[in-house]
Amino acid sequence: MKSYLNLFRWPGLLYCVLIVFLSGSISHANQPVAPTVQAGSELRSLSGHGENFEVILKFSSFKPGSDVFLTAYVLNSATNEPILGATLSGSLSSGSESLPVVFTETPQTLPGAYAGKVTVLSDKPYSWLFDVSLGEKSDLVAIDGFKAGEDSGATPRPAPLEPRKTGYEIKLTPAEIIALIAAFVVLQVAILFFARKRFTFGASEKDPR
């Protein structure tokens, strides 16, 4: 019986070795793809801070004469926590030219976000002066470098995630497939051979001559 088990074990071991060898061609296809960062993105960011508040101004690159949609994030200068319920107004100036801009809080976007819009007719550099007030606290925050068509201060946007696959992706060459089938056939033949041999041996013991 022990000899029979030893002989039966070899086809199984051969099949397992082939499976391990071919497993190098099996790769997990459900790995998440890390997002990449695209250079030359249009999203720009400028910031400035006062004694009590910090203002981060975000906007897309623009051309002279176009409407520029602005998002100003107001934070606590000491803790960096978003400021809710503040009164925010801005003044965009260049030389003797000054343009007031109204900002409205948009809590549905992000806490501490305030939206505004301005039309810039020239490509010369502008400066912002924000007036921030909340309760008894108030601040004047200056931001320079607001200019049409510049990518300085640009904040890269992450590229969209590539589609993910689920399950496993199996890559086998024709030779590997043939080897796998051959190993399976050898195993089946061995099982049938030893099963038949055992059956014949048992029958001969029951019918002695």
C-alpha atoms as a PDB file:
ATOM      1  CA  MET A   1       0.000   0.000   0.000  1.00  0.00           C
ATOM      2  CA  LYS A   2       2.845   2.395   0.869  1.00  0.00           C
ATOM      3  CA  SER A   3       4.512   1.659  -2.477  1.00  0.00           C
ATOM      4  CA  TYR A   4       1.236   2.391  -4.225  1.00  0.00           C
ATOM      5  CA  LEU A   5       0.896   5.785  -2.512  1.00  0.00           C
ATOM      6  CA  ASN A   6       4.482   6.734  -3.392  1.00  0.00           C
ATOM      7  CA  LEU A   7       3.929   5.936  -7.056  1.00  0.00           C
ATOM      8  CA  PHE A   8       0.647   7.834  -7.074  1.00  0.00           C
ATOM      9  CA  ARG A   9       2.287  10.909  -5.558  1.00  0.00           C
ATOM     10  CA  TRP A  10       4.735  11.558  -8.418  1.00  0.00           C
ATOM     11  CA  PRO A  11       2.184  12.576 -11.102  1.00  0.00           C
ATOM     12  CA  GLY A  12       0.563  14.932  -8.612  1.00  0.00           C
ATOM     13  CA  LEU A  13       3.918  16.500  -7.747  1.00  0.00           C
ATOM     14  CA  LEU A  14       4.720  16.919 -11.435  1.00  0.00           C
ATOM     15  CA  TYR A  15       1.435  18.682 -12.016  1.00  0.00           C
ATOM     16  CA  CYS A  16       1.985  21.000  -9.029  1.00  0.00           C
ATOM     17  CA  VAL A  17       5.486  21.911 -10.249  1.00  0.00           C
ATOM     18  CA  LEU A  18       4.118  22.864 -13.651  1.00  0.00           C
ATOM     19  CA  ILE A  19       1.398  24.980 -12.036  1.00  0.00           C
ATOM     20  CA  VAL A  20       3.988  26.863  -9.974  1.00  0.00           C
ATOM     21  CA  PHE A  21       6.189  27.337 -13.049  1.00  0.00           C
ATOM     22  CA  LEU A  22       3.352  28.697 -15.112  1.00  0.00           C
ATOM     23  CA  SER A  23       2.035  30.906 -12.321  1.00  0.00           C
ATOM     24  CA  GLY A  24       4.631  33.494 -13.303  1.00  0.00           C
ATOM     25  CA  SER A  25       2.429  34.217 -16.301  1.00  0.00           C
ATOM     26  CA  ILE A  26      -0.590  34.920 -14.100  1.00  0.00           C
ATOM     27  CA  SER A  27      -0.787  38.506 -12.881  1.00  0.00           C
ATOM     28  CA  HIS A  28      -3.260  40.309 -10.678  1.00  0.00           C
ATOM     29  CA  ALA A  29      -5.305  42.690 -12.809  1.00  0.00           C
ATOM     30  CA  ASN A  30      -7.212  44.399 -10.035  1.00  0.00           C
ATOM     31  CA  GLN A  31      -4.332  46.544  -8.800  1.00  0.00           C
ATOM     32  CA  PRO A  32      -5.352  50.200  -8.589  1.00  0.00           C
ATOM     33  CA  VAL A  33      -3.479  52.457 -10.976  1.00  0.00           C
ATOM     34  CA  ALA A  34      -1.799  55.379  -9.255  1.00  0.00           C
ATOM     35  CA  PRO A  35      -2.828  58.716 -10.654  1.00  0.00           C
ATOM     36  CA  THR A  36      -0.247  60.654 -12.612  1.00  0.00           C
ATOM     37  CA  VAL A  37       0.248  64.386 -12.681  1.00  0.00           C
ATOM     38  CA  GLN A  38      -0.038  66.308 -15.895  1.00  0.00           C
ATOM     39  CA  ALA A  39       2.344  69.177 -16.495  1.00  0.00           C
ATOM     40  CA  GLY A  40       1.142  72.472 -17.917  1.00  0.00           C
ATOM     41  CA  SER A  41      -2.264  72.360 -16.266  1.00  0.00           C
ATOM     42  CA  GLU A  42      -4.423  75.498 -16.423  1.00  0.00           C
ATOM     43  CA  LEU A  43      -5.360  75.663 -12.747  1.00  0.00           C
ATOM     44  CA  ARG A  44      -3.465  78.450 -10.971  1.00  0.00           C
ATOM     45  CA  SER A  45      -3.144  79.337  -7.314  1.00  0.00           C
ATOM     46  CA  LEU A  46      -1.984  82.489  -5.515  1.00  0.00           C
ATOM     47  CA  SER A  47      -1.991  83.141  -1.798  1.00  0.00           C
ATOM     48  CA  GLY A  48      -1.412  85.819   0.805  1.00  0.00           C
ATOM     49  CA  HIS A  49      -1.973  86.186   4.527  1.00  0.00           C
ATOM     50  CA  GLY A  50      -2.566  88.821   7.148  1.00  0.00           C
ATOM     51  CA  GLU A  51      -2.501  88.814  10.914  1.00  0.00           C
ATOM     52  CA  ASN A  52      -5.696  86.781  11.328  1.00  0.00           C
ATOM     53  CA  PHE A  53      -6.627  85.303   7.958  1.00  0.00           C
ATOM     54  CA  GLU A  54      -5.027  83.673   4.932  1.00  0.00           C
ATOM     55  CA  VAL A  55      -6.553  83.829   1.446  1.00  0.00           C
ATOM     56  CA  ILE A  56      -5.811  81.249  -1.253  1.00  0.00           C
ATOM     57  CA  LEU A  57      -7.077  82.355  -4.665  1.00  0.00           C
ATOM     58  CA  LYS A  58      -7.624  79.716  -7.343  1.00  0.00           C
ATOM     59  CA  PHE A  59      -8.568  80.310 -10.968  1.00  0.00           C
ATOM     60  CA  SER A  60      -7.964  79.015 -14.472  1.00  0.00           C
ATOM     61  CA  SER A  61      -5.535  80.616 -16.896  1.00  0.00           C
ATOM     62  CA  PHE A  62      -7.309  83.283 -18.901  1.00  0.00           C
ATOM     63  CA  LYS A  63      -6.943  85.635 -21.832  1.00  0.00           C
ATOM     64  CA  PRO A  64      -7.513  89.408 -21.729  1.00  0.00           C
ATOM     65  CA  GLY A  65     -11.180  90.300 -22.141  1.00  0.00           C
ATOM     66  CA  SER A  66     -12.528  86.995 -20.822  1.00  0.00           C
ATOM     67  CA  ASP A  67     -14.498  86.367 -17.647  1.00  0.00           C
ATOM     68  CA  VAL A  68     -12.411  84.827 -14.881  1.00  0.00           C
ATOM     69  CA  PHE A  69     -14.223  82.703 -12.313  1.00  0.00           C
ATOM     70  CA  LEU A  70     -12.509  82.882  -8.948  1.00  0.00           C
ATOM     71  CA  THR A  71     -12.569  80.753  -5.824  1.00  0.00           C
ATOM     72  CA  ALA A  72     -11.063  82.251  -2.673  1.00  0.00           C
ATOM     73  CA  TYR A  73     -10.422  79.981   0.295  1.00  0.00           C
ATOM     74  CA  VAL A  74     -10.267  81.835   3.616  1.00  0.00           C
ATOM     75  CA  LEU A  75      -8.317  80.140   6.408  1.00  0.00           C
ATOM     76  CA  ASN A  76      -7.298  80.931   9.939  1.00  0.00           C
ATOM     77  CA  SER A  77      -3.662  82.073   9.764  1.00  0.00           C
ATOM     78  CA  ALA A  78      -2.766  80.333  13.018  1.00  0.00           C
ATOM     79  CA  THR A  79      -4.584  77.000  12.633  1.00  0.00           C
ATOM     80  CA  ASN A  80      -5.261  76.738   8.855  1.00  0.00           C
ATOM     81  CA  GLU A  81      -8.885  75.930   9.634  1.00  0.00           C
ATOM     82  CA  PRO A  82     -11.460  77.111   7.055  1.00  0.00           C
ATOM     83  CA  ILE A  83     -13.344  80.264   7.982  1.00  0.00           C
ATOM     84  CA  LEU A  84     -17.130  80.074   7.646  1.00  0.00           C
ATOM     85  CA  GLY A  85     -19.501  83.025   7.554  1.00  0.00           C
ATOM     86  CA  ALA A  86     -16.886  85.677   6.819  1.00  0.00           C
ATOM     87  CA  THR A  87     -17.472  88.809   4.769  1.00  0.00           C
ATOM     88  CA  LEU A  88     -15.044  88.887   1.861  1.00  0.00           C
ATOM     89  CA  SER A  89     -14.549  91.572  -0.762  1.00  0.00           C
ATOM     90  CA  GLY A  90     -11.687  92.129  -3.153  1.00  0.00           C
ATOM     91  CA  SER A  91     -10.141  94.969  -5.085  1.00  0.00           C
ATOM     92  CA  LEU A  92      -8.161  94.232  -8.256  1.00  0.00           C
ATOM     93  CA  SER A  93      -5.781  97.012  -9.180  1.00  0.00           C
ATOM     94  CA  SER A  94      -3.004  97.910 -11.585  1.00  0.00           C
ATOM     95  CA  GLY A  95      -1.518 101.387 -11.380  1.00  0.00           C
ATOM     96  CA  SER A  96      -4.359 103.860 -10.978  1.00  0.00           C
ATOM     97  CA  GLU A  97      -6.943 101.339 -12.188  1.00  0.00           C
ATOM     98  CA  SER A  98      -8.997  99.591  -9.504  1.00  0.00           C
ATOM     99  CA  LEU A  99     -11.886  97.170  -9.873  1.00  0.00           C
ATOM    100  CA  PRO A 100     -14.049  95.998  -6.925  1.00  0.00           C
ATOM    101  CA  VAL A 101     -15.037  92.326  -6.881  1.00  0.00           C
ATOM    102  CA  VAL A 102     -17.775  90.795  -4.721  1.00  0.00           C
ATOM    103  CA  PHE A 103     -17.257  87.320  -3.270  1.00  0.00           C
ATOM    104  CA  THR A 104     -20.088  85.085  -2.047  1.00  0.00           C
ATOM    105  CA  GLU A 105     -19.659  82.140   0.298  1.00  0.00           C
ATOM    106  CA  THR A 106     -20.278  78.741  -1.325  1.00  0.00           C
ATOM    107  CA  PRO A 107     -20.273  76.177   1.518  1.00  0.00           C
ATOM    108  CA  GLN A 108     -21.640  73.506  -0.808  1.00  0.00           C
ATOM    109  CA  THR A 109     -18.293  73.499  -2.629  1.00  0.00           C
ATOM    110  CA  LEU A 110     -15.872  73.349   0.295  1.00  0.00           C
ATOM    111  CA  PRO A 111     -15.892  74.896   3.774  1.00  0.00           C
ATOM    112  CA  GLY A 112     -14.325  78.332   3.665  1.00  0.00           C
ATOM    113  CA  ALA A 113     -14.826  78.766  -0.099  1.00  0.00           C
ATOM    114  CA  TYR A 114     -16.010  82.063  -1.586  1.00  0.00           C
ATOM    115  CA  ALA A 115     -16.806  82.567  -5.278  1.00  0.00           C
ATOM    116  CA  GLY A 116     -16.390  85.647  -7.432  1.00  0.00           C
ATOM    117  CA  LYS A 117     -16.015  86.737 -11.043  1.00  0.00           C
ATOM    118  CA  VAL A 118     -13.971  89.424 -12.759  1.00  0.00           C
ATOM    119  CA  THR A 119     -13.239  90.528 -16.314  1.00  0.00           C
ATOM    120  CA  VAL A 120      -9.636  91.519 -17.005  1.00  0.00           C
ATOM    121  CA  LEU A 121      -9.152  93.598 -20.156  1.00  0.00           C
ATOM    122  CA  SER A 122      -5.367  93.835 -20.146  1.00  0.00           C
ATOM    123  CA  ASP A 123      -2.451  91.429 -19.964  1.00  0.00           C
ATOM    124  CA  LYS A 124      -0.519  93.597 -17.525  1.00  0.00           C
ATOM    125  CA  PRO A 125       0.056  92.307 -13.973  1.00  0.00           C
ATOM    126  CA  TYR A 126      -2.582  93.035 -11.333  1.00  0.00           C
ATOM    127  CA  SER A 127      -2.641  92.942  -7.556  1.00  0.00           C
ATOM    128  CA  TRP A 128      -5.400  91.900  -5.194  1.00  0.00           C
ATOM    129  CA  LEU A 129      -6.328  93.457  -1.883  1.00  0.00           C
ATOM    130  CA  PHE A 130      -8.845  91.387   0.064  1.00  0.00           C
ATOM    131  CA  ASP A 131     -10.869  92.734   2.960  1.00  0.00           C
ATOM    132  CA  VAL A 132     -11.803  89.895   5.320  1.00  0.00           C
ATOM    133  CA  SER A 133     -13.951  90.344   8.407  1.00  0.00           C
ATOM    134  CA  LEU A 134     -15.521  87.925  10.854  1.00  0.00           C
ATOM    135  CA  GLY A 135     -17.044  89.216  14.055  1.00  0.00           C
ATOM    136  CA  GLU A 136     -14.554  91.503  15.742  1.00  0.00           C
ATOM    137  CA  LYS A 137     -11.640  90.290  13.595  1.00  0.00           C
ATOM    138  CA  SER A 138     -10.711  91.851  10.270  1.00  0.00           C
ATOM    139  CA  ASP A 139      -7.747  91.761   7.929  1.00  0.00           C
ATOM    140  CA  LEU A 140      -6.388  93.192   4.704  1.00  0.00           C
ATOM    141  CA  VAL A 141      -4.669  90.515   2.612  1.00  0.00           C
ATOM    142  CA  ALA A 142      -2.566  91.463  -0.423  1.00  0.00           C
ATOM    143  CA  ILE A 143      -1.833  89.072  -3.305  1.00  0.00           C
ATOM    144  CA  ASP A 144       0.383  89.927  -6.282  1.00  0.00           C
ATOM    145  CA  GLY A 145       1.047  88.191  -9.596  1.00  0.00           C
ATOM    146  CA  PHE A 146      -2.461  88.059 -11.083  1.00  0.00           C
ATOM    147  CA  LYS A 147      -1.893  88.183 -14.827  1.00  0.00           C
ATOM    148  CA  ALA A 148      -3.450  86.867 -18.025  1.00  0.00           C
ATOM    149  CA  GLY A 149      -1.815  84.021 -19.885  1.00  0.00           C
ATOM    150  CA  GLU A 150       0.782  83.068 -17.281  1.00  0.00           C
ATOM    151  CA  ASP A 151       1.380  79.577 -15.948  1.00  0.00           C
ATOM    152  CA  SER A 152       3.479  80.673 -12.982  1.00  0.00           C
ATOM    153  CA  GLY A 153       1.890  79.500  -9.767  1.00  0.00           C
ATOM    154  CA  ALA A 154       0.092  76.761 -11.664  1.00  0.00           C
ATOM    155  CA  THR A 155      -1.159  73.870  -9.584  1.00  0.00           C
ATOM    156  CA  PRO A 156      -0.992  70.524 -11.451  1.00  0.00           C
ATOM    157  CA  ARG A 157      -4.230  68.601 -11.683  1.00  0.00           C
ATOM    158  CA  PRO A 158      -4.135  64.873 -11.204  1.00  0.00           C
ATOM    159  CA  ALA A 159      -4.992  62.917 -14.317  1.00  0.00           C
ATOM    160  CA  PRO A 160      -8.118  60.731 -14.197  1.00  0.00           C
ATOM    161  CA  LEU A 161      -7.623  57.225 -12.928  1.00  0.00           C
ATOM    162  CA  GLU A 162      -7.150  54.644 -15.608  1.00  0.00           C
ATOM    163  CA  PRO A 163      -9.883  52.004 -15.863  1.00  0.00           C
ATOM    164  CA  ARG A 164      -9.447  49.203 -13.374  1.00  0.00           C
ATOM    165  CA  LYS A 165      -9.805  45.546 -14.164  1.00  0.00           C
ATOM    166  CA  THR A 166     -11.132  42.998 -11.725  1.00  0.00           C
ATOM    167  CA  GLY A 167     -10.178  39.383 -11.211  1.00  0.00           C
ATOM    168  CA  TYR A 168      -7.059  37.850 -12.776  1.00  0.00           C
ATOM    169  CA  GLU A 169      -5.372  38.260 -16.101  1.00  0.00           C
ATOM    170  CA  ILE A 170      -3.846  35.021 -17.388  1.00  0.00           C
ATOM    171  CA  LYS A 171      -1.150  35.167 -20.049  1.00  0.00           C
ATOM    172  CA  LEU A 172       0.064  31.790 -21.300  1.00  0.00           C
ATOM    173  CA  THR A 173       2.022  30.953 -24.424  1.00  0.00           C
ATOM    174  CA  PRO A 174       0.854  28.058 -26.635  1.00  0.00           C
ATOM    175  CA  ALA A 175       3.775  25.937 -25.383  1.00  0.00           C
ATOM    176  CA  GLU A 176       2.770  26.540 -21.772  1.00  0.00           C
ATOM    177  CA  ILE A 177      -0.835  25.630 -22.522  1.00  0.00           C
ATOM    178  CA  ILE A 178       0.278  22.380 -24.199  1.00  0.00           C
ATOM    179  CA  ALA A 179       2.534  21.557 -21.239  1.00  0.00           C
ATOM    180  CA  LEU A 180      -0.321  22.174 -18.831  1.00  0.00           C
ATOM    181  CA  ILE A 181      -2.692  19.945 -20.800  1.00  0.00           C
ATOM    182  CA  ALA A 182      -0.036  17.231 -21.085  1.00  0.00           C
ATOM    183  CA  ALA A 183       0.559  17.288 -17.346  1.00  0.00           C
ATOM    184  CA  PHE A 184      -3.151  16.977 -16.710  1.00  0.00           C
ATOM    185  CA  VAL A 185      -3.411  14.028 -19.126  1.00  0.00           C
ATOM    186  CA  VAL A 186      -0.443  12.292 -17.476  1.00  0.00           C
ATOM    187  CA  LEU A 187      -2.054  12.720 -14.094  1.00  0.00           C
ATOM    188  CA  GLN A 188      -5.361  11.295 -15.285  1.00  0.00           C
ATOM    189  CA  VAL A 189      -3.669   8.311 -16.953  1.00  0.00           C
ATOM    190  CA  ALA A 190      -1.688   7.622 -13.792  1.00  0.00           C
ATOM    191  CA  ILE A 191      -4.831   7.735 -11.680  1.00  0.00           C
ATOM    192  CA  LEU A 192      -6.646   5.333 -14.009  1.00  0.00           C
ATOM    193  CA  PHE A 193      -3.631   3.013 -14.167  1.00  0.00           C
ATOM    194  CA  PHE A 194      -3.184   2.721 -10.431  1.00  0.00           C
ATOM    195  CA  ALA A 195      -6.920   2.503  -9.813  1.00  0.00           C
ATOM    196  CA  ARG A 196      -7.172  -0.374 -12.301  1.00  0.00           C
ATOM    197  CA  LYS A 197      -4.113  -2.066 -10.809  1.00  0.00           C
ATOM    198  CA  ARG A 198      -5.582  -1.831  -7.332  1.00  0.00           C
ATOM    199  CA  PHE A 199      -8.910  -3.192  -8.550  1.00  0.00           C
ATOM    200  CA  THR A 200      -7.180  -6.123 -10.281  1.00  0.00           C
ATOM    201  CA  PHE A 201      -5.069  -6.842  -7.202  1.00  0.00           C
ATOM    202  CA  GLY A 202      -8.152  -6.849  -4.969  1.00  0.00           C
ATOM    203  CA  ALA A 203     -10.044  -9.145  -7.320  1.00  0.00           C
ATOM    204  CA  SER A 204      -7.157 -11.631  -7.421  1.00  0.00           C
ATOM    205  CA  GLU A 205      -7.118 -11.799  -3.625  1.00  0.00           C
ATOM    206  CA  LYS A 206     -10.834 -12.596  -3.497  1.00  0.00           C
ATOM    207  CA  ASP A 207     -10.563 -15.316  -6.171  1.00  0.00           C
ATOM    208  CA  PRO A 208      -7.478 -17.417  -5.295  1.00  0.00           C
ATOM    209  CA  ARG A 209      -6.626 -20.267  -7.593  1.00  0.00           C
END
